[in-house]
Amino acid sequence: MTALSVRPLLSTLVAGLALGAVTLAGAPAAFAAPGDDGDIKVHRKGTDEPDQSNHPKVCEFHFAAFNFRDIPGSQIRWDIYNQPPTNSESLRDGLIALNTAGTGYSPDMSLPDGQYKVEVTWTGQMGAKKSKVFRVDCENGNGGNGNGGPGGGNGHHKPPHGPVGAGGGGVAQTMAAEEGSAFGVGSALAAGLAGTAALVLVRRSRRRRADGAA
């Protein structure tokens, strides 16, 4: 194999590595957006916070927000809708003030027995809305407590943060993904490109040797 025939193959390998490096460098910008890591949980009144479990059946309840980091204004908006939806108007809405970890809580509240959906939006939102479907079932005693047992709350719920939600109106709406996650995606892409280029180099080398032997 001459030096001239090797040069195109080396160029292919270098180009693959360069593309991988560009992908890796741009990964945080491509995959990270404020709030993308965030999640909303429905908690029974009296839940011992912080608790990142979700309670699909409640009586009195509140919303717990986690990992909504770097949100402009440090607050998110929640809206409650009938499930299945009966119209586009929210039944109740409010704001959750967030701490530096992107965590916050709504006040405790109650609704008539039925099935509902909470949707969360925030300023600068780029991804899909965060949401949870839950059932209010006070009549059958399914409110439970913060540890999943029957009965009322256990009294350990921390004071809620943020203003009490305003009733009724639908107001216009908007997971930063961790840099580590974006870094991992970029690394995998770079490794795959480098591996492909190396495989091309090996196969071409073998083919040329076979042709020479013939």
N, C-alpha and C. Protein backbone atom coordinates (compact mmCIF):
# COMPACT_ATOMS: atom_id res chain seq x y z
N MET A 1 0.85 -1.19 0.00
CA MET A 1 0.00 0.00 0.00
C MET A 1 0.88 1.23 0.00
N THR A 2 0.76 2.10 -1.02
CA THR A 2 1.62 3.26 -1.11
C THR A 2 1.15 4.38 -0.21
N ALA A 3 2.06 5.37 0.00
CA ALA A 3 1.69 6.52 0.82
C ALA A 3 0.54 7.29 0.20
N LEU A 4 0.50 7.32 -1.18
CA LEU A 4 -0.58 8.05 -1.85
C LEU A 4 -1.93 7.40 -1.60
N SER A 5 -1.96 6.05 -1.57
CA SER A 5 -3.24 5.37 -1.36
C SER A 5 -3.71 5.46 0.07
N VAL A 6 -2.77 5.66 1.01
CA VAL A 6 -3.13 5.76 2.42
C VAL A 6 -3.74 7.11 2.75
N ARG A 7 -3.30 8.14 2.05
CA ARG A 7 -3.74 9.49 2.40
C ARG A 7 -5.24 9.68 2.38
N PRO A 8 -5.97 9.20 1.33
CA PRO A 8 -7.44 9.37 1.36
C PRO A 8 -8.09 8.68 2.55
N LEU A 9 -7.51 7.51 2.93
CA LEU A 9 -8.09 6.78 4.06
C LEU A 9 -7.86 7.53 5.36
N LEU A 10 -6.66 8.09 5.51
CA LEU A 10 -6.39 8.88 6.71
C LEU A 10 -7.27 10.12 6.76
N SER A 11 -7.51 10.70 5.60
CA SER A 11 -8.40 11.88 5.56
C SER A 11 -9.80 11.53 6.04
N THR A 12 -10.27 10.32 5.63
CA THR A 12 -11.60 9.87 6.07
C THR A 12 -11.65 9.72 7.58
N LEU A 13 -10.58 9.13 8.16
CA LEU A 13 -10.53 8.94 9.60
C LEU A 13 -10.49 10.26 10.34
N VAL A 14 -9.66 11.19 9.87
CA VAL A 14 -9.55 12.50 10.50
C VAL A 14 -10.87 13.26 10.42
N ALA A 15 -11.54 13.18 9.26
CA ALA A 15 -12.82 13.87 9.10
C ALA A 15 -13.85 13.33 10.07
N GLY A 16 -13.85 11.99 10.25
CA GLY A 16 -14.79 11.38 11.19
C GLY A 16 -14.55 11.84 12.61
N LEU A 17 -13.26 11.89 13.01
CA LEU A 17 -12.93 12.35 14.36
C LEU A 17 -13.29 13.82 14.55
N ALA A 18 -13.04 14.62 13.52
CA ALA A 18 -13.36 16.05 13.62
C ALA A 18 -14.86 16.26 13.77
N LEU A 19 -15.65 15.49 13.00
CA LEU A 19 -17.11 15.61 13.10
C LEU A 19 -17.58 15.20 14.49
N GLY A 20 -16.97 14.14 15.05
CA GLY A 20 -17.32 13.71 16.39
C GLY A 20 -17.00 14.77 17.42
N ALA A 21 -15.86 15.47 17.24
CA ALA A 21 -15.48 16.51 18.18
C ALA A 21 -16.46 17.68 18.13
N VAL A 22 -16.88 18.03 16.90
CA VAL A 22 -17.86 19.11 16.76
C VAL A 22 -19.18 18.73 17.43
N THR A 23 -19.61 17.48 17.21
CA THR A 23 -20.85 17.01 17.84
C THR A 23 -20.75 17.06 19.34
N LEU A 24 -19.60 16.63 19.87
CA LEU A 24 -19.39 16.62 21.31
C LEU A 24 -19.40 18.03 21.87
N ALA A 25 -18.75 18.95 21.18
CA ALA A 25 -18.68 20.31 21.67
C ALA A 25 -20.05 20.97 21.68
N GLY A 26 -20.88 20.63 20.67
CA GLY A 26 -22.19 21.25 20.58
C GLY A 26 -23.28 20.53 21.33
N ALA A 27 -22.96 19.41 21.96
CA ALA A 27 -23.99 18.60 22.60
C ALA A 27 -24.77 19.33 23.68
N PRO A 28 -24.12 20.06 24.60
CA PRO A 28 -24.91 20.74 25.64
C PRO A 28 -25.92 21.71 25.07
N ALA A 29 -25.52 22.46 24.01
CA ALA A 29 -26.45 23.43 23.42
C ALA A 29 -27.60 22.72 22.72
N ALA A 30 -27.30 21.54 22.12
CA ALA A 30 -28.33 20.86 21.33
C ALA A 30 -29.33 20.13 22.21
N PHE A 31 -28.88 19.62 23.36
CA PHE A 31 -29.74 18.76 24.15
C PHE A 31 -30.22 19.38 25.45
N ALA A 32 -29.63 20.50 25.86
CA ALA A 32 -29.98 21.08 27.17
C ALA A 32 -30.83 22.32 26.98
N ALA A 33 -31.91 22.39 27.70
CA ALA A 33 -32.74 23.59 27.73
C ALA A 33 -33.28 23.74 29.15
N PRO A 34 -33.38 24.97 29.65
CA PRO A 34 -33.87 25.16 31.02
C PRO A 34 -35.20 24.47 31.27
N GLY A 35 -35.25 23.68 32.33
CA GLY A 35 -36.49 23.02 32.71
C GLY A 35 -36.70 21.64 32.14
N ASP A 36 -35.86 21.23 31.16
CA ASP A 36 -36.09 19.94 30.51
C ASP A 36 -35.98 18.75 31.47
N ASP A 37 -35.20 18.90 32.53
CA ASP A 37 -35.06 17.82 33.50
C ASP A 37 -36.19 17.81 34.54
N GLY A 38 -37.00 18.84 34.53
CA GLY A 38 -37.99 18.99 35.58
C GLY A 38 -39.11 17.96 35.52
N ASP A 39 -39.74 17.76 36.68
CA ASP A 39 -40.88 16.85 36.75
C ASP A 39 -41.85 17.37 37.80
N ILE A 40 -43.13 17.12 37.56
CA ILE A 40 -44.18 17.52 38.51
C ILE A 40 -44.77 16.27 39.14
N LYS A 41 -45.00 16.29 40.44
CA LYS A 41 -45.59 15.16 41.15
C LYS A 41 -46.86 15.64 41.87
N VAL A 42 -47.83 14.73 41.97
CA VAL A 42 -49.04 14.98 42.75
C VAL A 42 -48.82 14.33 44.12
N HIS A 43 -48.96 15.11 45.18
CA HIS A 43 -48.74 14.61 46.54
C HIS A 43 -49.97 14.78 47.40
N ARG A 44 -50.26 13.77 48.20
CA ARG A 44 -51.32 13.91 49.19
C ARG A 44 -50.93 14.95 50.23
N LYS A 45 -51.92 15.61 50.77
CA LYS A 45 -51.68 16.53 51.87
C LYS A 45 -50.98 15.78 53.00
N GLY A 46 -49.94 16.39 53.56
CA GLY A 46 -49.21 15.76 54.65
C GLY A 46 -48.01 14.95 54.21
N THR A 47 -47.68 14.95 52.90
CA THR A 47 -46.52 14.21 52.42
C THR A 47 -45.25 14.77 53.07
N ASP A 48 -44.38 13.87 53.49
CA ASP A 48 -43.11 14.26 54.11
C ASP A 48 -42.14 14.65 53.00
N GLU A 49 -42.01 15.95 52.76
CA GLU A 49 -41.17 16.44 51.67
C GLU A 49 -39.70 16.56 52.08
N PRO A 50 -38.75 16.45 51.12
CA PRO A 50 -39.01 16.19 49.71
C PRO A 50 -39.22 14.71 49.43
N ASP A 51 -40.25 14.40 48.70
CA ASP A 51 -40.59 13.02 48.35
C ASP A 51 -40.89 13.02 46.86
N GLN A 52 -40.12 12.31 46.08
CA GLN A 52 -40.28 12.36 44.64
C GLN A 52 -41.18 11.26 44.08
N SER A 53 -41.96 10.62 44.97
CA SER A 53 -42.97 9.68 44.49
C SER A 53 -44.19 10.46 43.99
N ASN A 54 -45.05 9.78 43.24
CA ASN A 54 -46.28 10.40 42.74
C ASN A 54 -47.48 9.64 43.27
N HIS A 55 -48.52 10.36 43.68
CA HIS A 55 -49.72 9.75 44.25
C HIS A 55 -50.87 9.90 43.25
N PRO A 56 -51.24 8.84 42.54
CA PRO A 56 -52.28 8.95 41.52
C PRO A 56 -53.68 9.10 42.08
N LYS A 57 -53.91 8.73 43.38
CA LYS A 57 -55.20 8.92 44.02
C LYS A 57 -55.02 9.77 45.26
N VAL A 58 -55.81 10.83 45.36
CA VAL A 58 -55.66 11.78 46.46
C VAL A 58 -57.03 12.27 46.92
N CYS A 59 -57.04 12.96 48.05
CA CYS A 59 -58.22 13.72 48.47
C CYS A 59 -57.78 15.18 48.48
N GLU A 60 -57.27 15.69 49.60
CA GLU A 60 -56.59 16.98 49.57
C GLU A 60 -55.17 16.74 49.07
N PHE A 61 -54.65 17.66 48.30
CA PHE A 61 -53.38 17.41 47.63
C PHE A 61 -52.65 18.72 47.33
N HIS A 62 -51.40 18.57 46.89
CA HIS A 62 -50.64 19.70 46.37
C HIS A 62 -49.71 19.17 45.29
N PHE A 63 -49.05 20.08 44.57
CA PHE A 63 -48.10 19.70 43.53
C PHE A 63 -46.68 19.96 44.01
N ALA A 64 -45.77 19.04 43.70
CA ALA A 64 -44.36 19.17 44.04
C ALA A 64 -43.55 19.21 42.74
N ALA A 65 -42.73 20.23 42.59
CA ALA A 65 -41.90 20.39 41.39
C ALA A 65 -40.45 20.07 41.74
N PHE A 66 -39.78 19.33 40.86
CA PHE A 66 -38.40 18.95 41.09
C PHE A 66 -37.56 19.18 39.84
N ASN A 67 -36.33 19.66 40.03
CA ASN A 67 -35.31 19.77 38.98
C ASN A 67 -35.64 20.76 37.87
N PHE A 68 -36.48 21.75 38.15
CA PHE A 68 -36.73 22.81 37.15
C PHE A 68 -35.68 23.90 37.34
N ARG A 69 -34.44 23.58 36.95
CA ARG A 69 -33.32 24.50 37.16
C ARG A 69 -33.24 25.55 36.05
N ASP A 70 -32.71 26.71 36.43
CA ASP A 70 -32.40 27.79 35.47
C ASP A 70 -33.63 28.32 34.74
N ILE A 71 -34.80 28.21 35.36
CA ILE A 71 -36.01 28.76 34.76
C ILE A 71 -36.01 30.29 34.94
N PRO A 72 -36.21 31.06 33.86
CA PRO A 72 -36.29 32.51 34.03
C PRO A 72 -37.40 32.90 35.00
N GLY A 73 -37.06 33.73 35.97
CA GLY A 73 -38.04 34.14 36.96
C GLY A 73 -38.20 33.15 38.10
N SER A 74 -37.56 31.99 38.00
CA SER A 74 -37.57 30.98 39.07
C SER A 74 -38.98 30.60 39.50
N GLN A 75 -39.86 30.43 38.54
CA GLN A 75 -41.20 29.96 38.86
C GLN A 75 -41.80 29.24 37.66
N ILE A 76 -42.72 28.32 37.94
CA ILE A 76 -43.43 27.60 36.89
C ILE A 76 -44.93 27.78 37.12
N ARG A 77 -45.68 27.54 36.07
CA ARG A 77 -47.14 27.69 36.15
C ARG A 77 -47.79 26.31 36.03
N TRP A 78 -48.81 26.07 36.84
CA TRP A 78 -49.58 24.83 36.72
C TRP A 78 -51.02 25.15 36.38
N ASP A 79 -51.63 24.27 35.59
CA ASP A 79 -53.04 24.36 35.22
C ASP A 79 -53.68 22.99 35.40
N ILE A 80 -54.87 22.96 35.97
CA ILE A 80 -55.61 21.70 36.15
C ILE A 80 -56.75 21.65 35.14
N TYR A 81 -56.89 20.50 34.47
CA TYR A 81 -57.94 20.29 33.47
C TYR A 81 -58.73 19.04 33.81
N ASN A 82 -60.00 19.02 33.39
CA ASN A 82 -60.76 17.78 33.47
C ASN A 82 -60.12 16.72 32.60
N GLN A 83 -60.24 15.47 33.01
CA GLN A 83 -59.68 14.37 32.24
C GLN A 83 -60.75 13.28 32.10
N PRO A 84 -61.20 12.94 30.90
CA PRO A 84 -60.79 13.54 29.63
C PRO A 84 -61.24 15.00 29.53
N PRO A 85 -60.58 15.77 28.68
CA PRO A 85 -60.87 17.21 28.61
C PRO A 85 -62.30 17.48 28.14
N THR A 86 -62.92 18.47 28.77
CA THR A 86 -64.26 18.90 28.35
C THR A 86 -64.21 20.20 27.57
N ASN A 87 -63.16 21.00 27.80
CA ASN A 87 -62.92 22.23 27.04
C ASN A 87 -61.47 22.65 27.26
N SER A 88 -61.09 23.76 26.67
CA SER A 88 -59.70 24.21 26.74
C SER A 88 -59.41 25.07 27.97
N GLU A 89 -60.44 25.38 28.75
CA GLU A 89 -60.24 26.23 29.92
C GLU A 89 -59.75 25.41 31.11
N SER A 90 -58.75 25.95 31.83
CA SER A 90 -58.29 25.26 33.02
C SER A 90 -59.26 25.51 34.17
N LEU A 91 -59.41 24.50 35.04
CA LEU A 91 -60.28 24.62 36.21
C LEU A 91 -59.65 25.47 37.30
N ARG A 92 -58.34 25.39 37.40
CA ARG A 92 -57.62 26.12 38.43
C ARG A 92 -56.18 26.26 37.97
N ASP A 93 -55.52 27.34 38.36
CA ASP A 93 -54.13 27.55 37.97
C ASP A 93 -53.39 28.29 39.07
N GLY A 94 -52.09 28.28 38.98
CA GLY A 94 -51.27 28.96 39.97
C GLY A 94 -49.81 28.88 39.61
N LEU A 95 -48.97 29.43 40.49
CA LEU A 95 -47.53 29.46 40.27
C LEU A 95 -46.82 28.73 41.41
N ILE A 96 -45.69 28.13 41.10
CA ILE A 96 -44.82 27.52 42.11
C ILE A 96 -43.49 28.24 42.06
N ALA A 97 -43.08 28.83 43.17
CA ALA A 97 -41.77 29.45 43.27
C ALA A 97 -40.72 28.37 43.48
N LEU A 98 -39.59 28.49 42.79
CA LEU A 98 -38.55 27.47 42.82
C LEU A 98 -37.34 27.95 43.59
N ASN A 99 -36.69 27.02 44.30
CA ASN A 99 -35.42 27.34 44.94
C ASN A 99 -34.27 27.10 43.95
N THR A 100 -33.03 27.21 44.41
CA THR A 100 -31.89 27.09 43.51
C THR A 100 -31.75 25.69 42.91
N ALA A 101 -32.33 24.69 43.56
CA ALA A 101 -32.30 23.32 43.03
C ALA A 101 -33.44 23.06 42.06
N GLY A 102 -34.29 24.07 41.82
CA GLY A 102 -35.43 23.89 40.92
C GLY A 102 -36.58 23.16 41.56
N THR A 103 -36.67 23.24 42.91
CA THR A 103 -37.72 22.55 43.67
C THR A 103 -38.69 23.55 44.27
N GLY A 104 -39.97 23.19 44.32
CA GLY A 104 -40.98 24.05 44.94
C GLY A 104 -42.29 23.31 45.09
N TYR A 105 -43.23 23.92 45.83
CA TYR A 105 -44.50 23.26 46.16
C TYR A 105 -45.65 24.25 46.02
N SER A 106 -46.79 23.73 45.58
CA SER A 106 -48.01 24.54 45.57
C SER A 106 -48.67 24.45 46.94
N PRO A 107 -49.65 25.30 47.22
CA PRO A 107 -50.44 25.12 48.45
C PRO A 107 -51.29 23.85 48.35
N ASP A 108 -51.73 23.34 49.50
CA ASP A 108 -52.70 22.24 49.50
C ASP A 108 -54.02 22.74 48.94
N MET A 109 -54.74 21.85 48.28
CA MET A 109 -56.02 22.22 47.67
C MET A 109 -56.92 21.00 47.60
N SER A 110 -58.15 21.19 47.16
CA SER A 110 -59.09 20.09 46.97
C SER A 110 -59.97 20.37 45.76
N LEU A 111 -60.52 19.30 45.19
CA LEU A 111 -61.43 19.38 44.05
C LEU A 111 -62.53 18.35 44.24
N PRO A 112 -63.65 18.48 43.55
CA PRO A 112 -64.68 17.43 43.60
C PRO A 112 -64.10 16.11 43.11
N ASP A 113 -64.65 15.00 43.60
CA ASP A 113 -64.18 13.69 43.14
C ASP A 113 -64.25 13.61 41.62
N GLY A 114 -63.21 13.04 41.03
CA GLY A 114 -63.15 12.92 39.57
C GLY A 114 -61.71 12.76 39.13
N GLN A 115 -61.52 12.69 37.82
CA GLN A 115 -60.18 12.53 37.25
C GLN A 115 -59.73 13.83 36.61
N TYR A 116 -58.45 14.17 36.83
CA TYR A 116 -57.92 15.45 36.39
C TYR A 116 -56.52 15.27 35.81
N LYS A 117 -56.07 16.34 35.17
CA LYS A 117 -54.71 16.38 34.64
C LYS A 117 -54.09 17.72 34.99
N VAL A 118 -52.86 17.69 35.52
CA VAL A 118 -52.13 18.93 35.76
C VAL A 118 -51.06 19.07 34.68
N GLU A 119 -50.95 20.26 34.12
CA GLU A 119 -49.92 20.56 33.13
C GLU A 119 -49.07 21.71 33.65
N VAL A 120 -47.76 21.62 33.42
CA VAL A 120 -46.82 22.62 33.90
C VAL A 120 -46.14 23.29 32.71
N THR A 121 -46.07 24.61 32.73
CA THR A 121 -45.39 25.37 31.69
C THR A 121 -44.49 26.41 32.35
N TRP A 122 -43.56 26.95 31.56
CA TRP A 122 -42.64 27.96 32.11
C TRP A 122 -42.10 28.83 30.98
N THR A 123 -41.58 29.97 31.35
CA THR A 123 -41.02 30.92 30.39
C THR A 123 -39.83 30.29 29.68
N GLY A 124 -39.78 30.41 28.37
CA GLY A 124 -38.67 29.87 27.61
C GLY A 124 -38.76 28.38 27.35
N GLN A 125 -39.92 27.78 27.60
CA GLN A 125 -40.08 26.34 27.42
C GLN A 125 -39.83 25.95 25.97
N MET A 126 -39.05 24.88 25.77
CA MET A 126 -38.74 24.40 24.43
C MET A 126 -39.28 22.99 24.19
N GLY A 127 -39.30 22.18 25.25
CA GLY A 127 -39.78 20.80 25.11
C GLY A 127 -41.27 20.69 25.39
N ALA A 128 -41.71 19.45 25.55
CA ALA A 128 -43.12 19.19 25.82
C ALA A 128 -43.50 19.62 27.24
N LYS A 129 -44.79 19.85 27.45
CA LYS A 129 -45.27 20.18 28.78
C LYS A 129 -45.08 18.99 29.72
N LYS A 130 -44.82 19.29 30.99
CA LYS A 130 -44.78 18.26 32.01
C LYS A 130 -46.21 18.10 32.54
N SER A 131 -46.65 16.86 32.74
CA SER A 131 -48.02 16.67 33.16
C SER A 131 -48.16 15.39 33.97
N LYS A 132 -49.26 15.31 34.75
CA LYS A 132 -49.63 14.11 35.48
C LYS A 132 -51.15 14.02 35.50
N VAL A 133 -51.66 12.79 35.32
CA VAL A 133 -53.09 12.53 35.47
C VAL A 133 -53.30 11.96 36.87
N PHE A 134 -54.33 12.41 37.56
CA PHE A 134 -54.58 11.94 38.93
C PHE A 134 -56.08 11.92 39.19
N ARG A 135 -56.48 11.16 40.22
CA ARG A 135 -57.88 11.04 40.59
C ARG A 135 -58.08 11.55 42.00
N VAL A 136 -59.09 12.40 42.16
CA VAL A 136 -59.53 12.83 43.48
C VAL A 136 -60.65 11.90 43.92
N ASP A 137 -60.46 11.23 45.06
CA ASP A 137 -61.42 10.24 45.53
C ASP A 137 -61.53 10.35 47.05
N CYS A 138 -62.20 11.38 47.50
CA CYS A 138 -62.39 11.59 48.94
C CYS A 138 -63.52 10.71 49.49
N GLU A 139 -64.52 10.44 48.66
CA GLU A 139 -65.69 9.70 49.12
C GLU A 139 -65.32 8.29 49.59
N ASN A 140 -64.36 7.66 48.91
CA ASN A 140 -63.97 6.29 49.27
C ASN A 140 -62.74 6.23 50.17
N GLY A 141 -62.32 7.37 50.70
CA GLY A 141 -61.19 7.38 51.62
C GLY A 141 -59.86 7.10 50.98
N ASN A 142 -59.69 7.45 49.70
CA ASN A 142 -58.44 7.16 49.00
C ASN A 142 -57.47 8.33 49.04
N GLY A 143 -57.69 9.27 49.94
CA GLY A 143 -56.73 10.35 50.06
C GLY A 143 -55.41 9.85 50.59
N GLY A 144 -55.45 8.98 51.61
CA GLY A 144 -54.22 8.42 52.17
C GLY A 144 -53.40 9.47 52.87
N ASN A 145 -52.16 9.12 53.22
CA ASN A 145 -51.23 10.09 53.78
C ASN A 145 -49.94 10.07 52.98
N GLY A 146 -48.97 10.82 53.44
CA GLY A 146 -47.73 10.96 52.68
C GLY A 146 -46.97 9.67 52.53
N ASN A 147 -47.22 8.67 53.37
CA ASN A 147 -46.51 7.41 53.28
C ASN A 147 -47.33 6.32 52.61
N GLY A 148 -48.47 6.69 52.02
CA GLY A 148 -49.26 5.73 51.25
C GLY A 148 -50.29 4.99 52.07
N GLY A 149 -50.45 5.28 53.36
CA GLY A 149 -51.41 4.58 54.19
C GLY A 149 -52.75 5.25 54.18
N PRO A 150 -53.77 4.63 54.77
CA PRO A 150 -55.11 5.23 54.79
C PRO A 150 -55.18 6.39 55.76
N GLY A 151 -56.23 7.20 55.60
CA GLY A 151 -56.46 8.27 56.56
C GLY A 151 -55.91 9.59 56.10
N GLY A 152 -55.83 10.55 57.03
CA GLY A 152 -55.41 11.91 56.69
C GLY A 152 -53.91 12.03 56.64
N GLY A 153 -53.42 13.30 56.53
CA GLY A 153 -52.00 13.59 56.39
C GLY A 153 -51.26 13.31 57.68
N ASN A 154 -49.92 13.20 57.55
CA ASN A 154 -49.11 12.91 58.72
C ASN A 154 -48.54 14.16 59.37
N GLY A 155 -48.87 15.33 58.82
CA GLY A 155 -48.47 16.57 59.46
C GLY A 155 -47.05 17.01 59.17
N HIS A 156 -46.33 16.30 58.24
CA HIS A 156 -44.94 16.65 57.99
C HIS A 156 -44.74 17.43 56.71
N HIS A 157 -45.79 17.77 56.03
CA HIS A 157 -45.64 18.52 54.79
C HIS A 157 -45.06 19.89 55.09
N LYS A 158 -43.99 20.26 54.40
CA LYS A 158 -43.37 21.56 54.62
C LYS A 158 -44.28 22.67 54.11
N PRO A 159 -44.16 23.88 54.67
CA PRO A 159 -45.02 24.98 54.21
C PRO A 159 -44.84 25.19 52.72
N PRO A 160 -45.93 25.33 51.98
CA PRO A 160 -45.83 25.49 50.52
C PRO A 160 -45.19 26.81 50.16
N HIS A 161 -44.62 26.83 48.97
CA HIS A 161 -44.00 28.04 48.46
C HIS A 161 -44.82 28.56 47.30
N GLY A 162 -44.84 29.88 47.12
CA GLY A 162 -45.51 30.46 45.98
C GLY A 162 -46.93 30.85 46.30
N PRO A 163 -47.53 31.70 45.46
CA PRO A 163 -48.87 32.22 45.71
C PRO A 163 -49.94 31.17 45.49
N VAL A 164 -51.10 31.36 46.16
CA VAL A 164 -52.24 30.48 45.96
C VAL A 164 -52.76 30.69 44.55
N GLY A 165 -53.13 29.59 43.87
CA GLY A 165 -53.57 29.68 42.48
C GLY A 165 -54.86 30.45 42.34
N ALA A 166 -54.95 31.20 41.24
CA ALA A 166 -56.17 31.92 40.94
C ALA A 166 -57.13 30.96 40.29
N GLY A 167 -58.42 31.05 40.58
CA GLY A 167 -59.39 30.11 40.03
C GLY A 167 -59.72 30.42 38.61
N GLY A 168 -60.02 29.36 37.87
CA GLY A 168 -60.73 29.46 36.61
C GLY A 168 -60.02 29.91 35.39
N GLY A 169 -59.24 30.72 35.14
CA GLY A 169 -58.96 31.22 33.82
C GLY A 169 -57.85 30.54 33.10
N GLY A 170 -57.91 30.46 31.79
CA GLY A 170 -56.80 29.91 31.04
C GLY A 170 -55.92 31.04 30.56
N VAL A 171 -54.71 31.13 31.10
CA VAL A 171 -53.78 32.21 30.74
C VAL A 171 -52.74 31.63 29.82
N ALA A 172 -52.18 32.46 28.91
CA ALA A 172 -51.19 31.96 27.98
C ALA A 172 -50.01 31.35 28.71
N GLN A 173 -49.40 30.26 28.13
CA GLN A 173 -48.40 29.45 28.81
C GLN A 173 -46.94 29.66 28.31
N THR A 174 -45.16 28.69 29.06
CA THR A 174 -44.27 27.82 28.32
C THR A 174 -44.37 26.67 29.14
N MET A 175 -35.85 20.36 31.37
CA MET A 175 -35.47 19.23 31.96
C MET A 175 -34.31 19.45 31.68
N ALA A 176 -33.26 22.14 32.75
CA ALA A 176 -32.20 21.92 31.77
C ALA A 176 -31.74 20.49 31.87
N ALA A 177 -31.56 19.87 30.66
CA ALA A 177 -30.95 18.53 30.74
C ALA A 177 -29.56 18.65 31.30
N GLU A 178 -29.16 17.72 32.10
CA GLU A 178 -27.85 17.76 32.74
C GLU A 178 -26.77 17.72 31.67
N GLU A 179 -25.71 18.49 31.88
CA GLU A 179 -24.62 18.49 30.93
C GLU A 179 -24.00 17.11 30.82
N GLY A 180 -24.06 16.37 31.91
CA GLY A 180 -23.50 15.02 31.87
C GLY A 180 -24.22 14.15 30.86
N SER A 181 -25.57 14.29 30.76
CA SER A 181 -26.33 13.49 29.80
C SER A 181 -25.97 13.88 28.39
N ALA A 182 -25.91 15.20 28.14
CA ALA A 182 -25.56 15.67 26.80
C ALA A 182 -24.15 15.27 26.45
N PHE A 183 -23.24 15.33 27.42
CA PHE A 183 -21.86 14.94 27.18
C PHE A 183 -21.79 13.47 26.78
N GLY A 184 -22.59 12.64 27.45
CA GLY A 184 -22.60 11.21 27.15
C GLY A 184 -23.09 10.94 25.75
N VAL A 185 -24.13 11.67 25.31
CA VAL A 185 -24.66 11.49 23.95
C VAL A 185 -23.61 11.87 22.93
N GLY A 186 -22.94 13.02 23.17
CA GLY A 186 -21.91 13.47 22.24
C GLY A 186 -20.76 12.50 22.17
N SER A 187 -20.35 11.96 23.32
CA SER A 187 -19.25 11.00 23.35
C SER A 187 -19.58 9.76 22.54
N ALA A 188 -20.83 9.27 22.69
CA ALA A 188 -21.24 8.08 21.96
C ALA A 188 -21.21 8.32 20.45
N LEU A 189 -21.68 9.50 20.02
CA LEU A 189 -21.67 9.83 18.60
C LEU A 189 -20.25 9.90 18.07
N ALA A 190 -19.36 10.55 18.84
CA ALA A 190 -17.97 10.69 18.42
C ALA A 190 -17.30 9.33 18.31
N ALA A 191 -17.55 8.46 19.30
CA ALA A 191 -16.95 7.12 19.28
C ALA A 191 -17.45 6.32 18.08
N GLY A 192 -18.74 6.43 17.78
CA GLY A 192 -19.31 5.70 16.65
C GLY A 192 -18.71 6.14 15.33
N LEU A 193 -18.53 7.45 15.15
CA LEU A 193 -17.96 7.97 13.92
C LEU A 193 -16.51 7.53 13.75
N ALA A 194 -15.76 7.59 14.85
CA ALA A 194 -14.36 7.18 14.79
C ALA A 194 -14.25 5.70 14.45
N GLY A 195 -15.13 4.87 15.06
CA GLY A 195 -15.10 3.44 14.79
C GLY A 195 -15.43 3.13 13.35
N THR A 196 -16.41 3.84 12.78
CA THR A 196 -16.79 3.63 11.38
C THR A 196 -15.65 3.96 10.44
N ALA A 197 -14.97 5.09 10.70
CA ALA A 197 -13.86 5.50 9.85
C ALA A 197 -12.73 4.49 9.92
N ALA A 198 -12.45 3.97 11.12
CA ALA A 198 -11.38 2.98 11.27
C ALA A 198 -11.72 1.69 10.52
N LEU A 199 -13.01 1.28 10.58
CA LEU A 199 -13.43 0.07 9.87
C LEU A 199 -13.26 0.21 8.37
N VAL A 200 -13.59 1.39 7.84
CA VAL A 200 -13.41 1.65 6.41
C VAL A 200 -11.93 1.53 6.04
N LEU A 201 -11.06 2.08 6.88
CA LEU A 201 -9.63 2.03 6.64
C LEU A 201 -9.12 0.59 6.56
N VAL A 202 -9.54 -0.24 7.53
CA VAL A 202 -9.10 -1.64 7.57
C VAL A 202 -9.60 -2.40 6.34
N ARG A 203 -10.88 -2.23 5.99
CA ARG A 203 -11.45 -2.97 4.86
C ARG A 203 -10.77 -2.61 3.54
N ARG A 204 -10.49 -1.31 3.34
CA ARG A 204 -9.83 -0.90 2.11
C ARG A 204 -8.41 -1.46 2.04
N SER A 205 -7.75 -1.50 3.19
CA SER A 205 -6.40 -2.03 3.22
C SER A 205 -6.39 -3.50 2.83
N ARG A 206 -7.35 -4.28 3.40
CA ARG A 206 -7.44 -5.70 3.08
C ARG A 206 -7.75 -5.92 1.60
N ARG A 207 -8.65 -5.08 1.08
CA ARG A 207 -9.04 -5.24 -0.33
C ARG A 207 -7.84 -5.00 -1.26
N ARG A 208 -7.04 -3.96 -0.93
CA ARG A 208 -5.88 -3.66 -1.77
C ARG A 208 -4.83 -4.78 -1.70
N ARG A 209 -4.68 -5.35 -0.48
CA ARG A 209 -3.73 -6.45 -0.36
C ARG A 209 -4.19 -7.66 -1.18
N ALA A 210 -5.51 -7.95 -1.14
CA ALA A 210 -6.04 -9.06 -1.91
C ALA A 210 -5.85 -8.86 -3.41
N ASP A 211 -6.08 -7.60 -3.87
CA ASP A 211 -5.89 -7.31 -5.29
C ASP A 211 -4.44 -7.46 -5.69
N GLY A 212 -3.53 -7.08 -4.81
CA GLY A 212 -2.10 -7.20 -5.10
C GLY A 212 -1.67 -8.64 -5.19
N ALA A 213 -2.26 -9.49 -4.29
CA ALA A 213 -1.90 -10.91 -4.29
C ALA A 213 -2.36 -11.59 -5.57
N ALA A 214 -3.56 -11.15 -6.05
CA ALA A 214 -4.10 -11.74 -7.26
C ALA A 214 -3.24 -11.36 -8.46
